[in-house]
């Protein structure tokens, strides 16, 4: 806690630059939802494999009538937003 508020304090993975993120009420609720699954591993959220993530993206694409092959890799790029 800093200034009587809760923060996520970490270093960015690629640049090692310190990063502080204030935890507001809604993110706290989301974190507490997954805490029992991830606490022992030192993570805030479960980490999905690329295969599982791609499966979820395919399901979302089907629901949204998107006829492109979506993968986690394509979702990381700006062009992903323009897929129709």
Protein backbone atom coordinates (compact mmCIF):
# COMPACT_ATOMS: atom_id res chain seq x y z
CA UNK A 1 0.00 0.00 0.00
CA UNK A 2 1.07 3.55 -0.75
CA UNK A 3 -0.91 6.49 0.58
CA UNK A 4 -3.42 4.02 2.09
CA UNK A 5 -4.27 2.68 -1.38
CA UNK A 6 -3.45 -0.66 -2.98
CA UNK A 7 -1.13 -0.74 -5.99
CA UNK A 8 0.32 -3.32 -8.33
CA UNK A 9 4.07 -2.65 -8.29
CA UNK A 10 6.19 -4.43 -10.89
CA UNK A 11 8.84 -3.96 -13.54
CA UNK A 12 7.92 -4.14 -17.21
CA UNK A 13 9.16 -7.41 -18.65
CA UNK A 14 10.89 -6.10 -21.78
CA UNK A 15 12.35 -2.79 -20.55
CA UNK A 16 12.58 -3.46 -16.79
CA UNK A 17 11.06 0.00 -16.24
CA UNK A 18 9.15 0.20 -12.91
CA UNK A 19 5.38 0.30 -13.26
CA UNK A 20 2.83 1.21 -10.57
CA UNK A 21 -0.88 0.69 -11.18
CA UNK A 22 -3.51 1.90 -8.71
CA UNK A 23 -6.07 -0.79 -7.90
CA UNK A 24 -9.62 0.52 -8.09
CA UNK A 25 -12.64 -1.34 -6.70
CA UNK A 26 -13.72 -3.21 -9.86
CA UNK A 27 -10.22 -4.55 -10.64
CA UNK A 28 -9.90 -5.61 -6.98
CA UNK A 29 -13.12 -7.62 -7.33
CA UNK A 30 -11.87 -9.29 -10.52
CA UNK A 31 -8.52 -10.13 -8.91
CA UNK A 32 -10.21 -11.59 -5.84
CA UNK A 33 -12.36 -13.79 -8.12
CA UNK A 34 -9.24 -15.58 -9.41
CA UNK A 35 -7.07 -15.28 -6.29
CA UNK A 36 -7.79 -18.80 -5.05
CA UNK A 37 -6.57 -20.25 -8.39
CA UNK A 38 -3.40 -18.21 -8.83
CA UNK A 39 -2.12 -17.08 -5.42
CA UNK A 40 0.32 -19.97 -4.94
CA UNK A 41 1.89 -19.30 -8.34
CA UNK A 42 2.43 -15.60 -7.61
CA UNK A 43 0.15 -14.55 -10.48
CA UNK A 44 -2.93 -12.33 -10.53
CA UNK A 45 -4.78 -14.32 -13.20
CA UNK A 46 -4.66 -17.81 -14.67
CA UNK A 47 -2.34 -18.00 -17.67
CA UNK A 48 -3.89 -19.64 -20.71
CA UNK A 49 -1.89 -21.56 -23.27
CA UNK A 50 -1.78 -20.22 -26.83
CA UNK A 51 -3.86 -23.21 -27.88
CA UNK A 52 -6.61 -22.41 -25.35
CA UNK A 53 -6.50 -18.69 -26.19
CA UNK A 54 -6.81 -19.47 -29.91
CA UNK A 55 -9.76 -21.73 -29.18
CA UNK A 56 -11.53 -18.90 -27.34
CA UNK A 57 -10.76 -16.44 -30.15
CA UNK A 58 -12.23 -18.87 -32.70
CA UNK A 59 -15.38 -19.15 -30.60
CA UNK A 60 -15.68 -15.36 -30.34
CA UNK A 61 -15.11 -15.00 -34.10
CA UNK A 62 -17.89 -17.52 -34.80
CA UNK A 63 -20.31 -15.66 -32.52
CA UNK A 64 -19.42 -12.35 -34.21
CA UNK A 65 -19.68 -13.78 -37.74
CA UNK A 66 -16.00 -13.09 -38.43
CA UNK A 67 -14.80 -15.42 -41.18
CA UNK A 68 -11.05 -14.94 -40.64
CA UNK A 69 -8.70 -17.30 -38.87
CA UNK A 70 -8.02 -15.44 -35.62
CA UNK A 71 -5.10 -16.35 -33.39
CA UNK A 72 -3.50 -14.78 -30.35
CA UNK A 73 -0.70 -13.61 -32.63
CA UNK A 74 -3.11 -11.71 -34.93
CA UNK A 75 -4.94 -10.27 -31.94
CA UNK A 76 -1.74 -8.54 -30.81
CA UNK A 77 -1.57 -6.39 -33.93
CA UNK A 78 -3.45 -3.19 -34.67
CA UNK A 79 -4.81 -4.58 -37.96
CA UNK A 80 -6.86 -7.04 -35.90
CA UNK A 81 -9.29 -4.23 -35.07
CA UNK A 82 -10.15 -3.79 -38.76
CA UNK A 83 -11.07 -7.44 -39.42
CA UNK A 84 -14.61 -7.81 -40.74
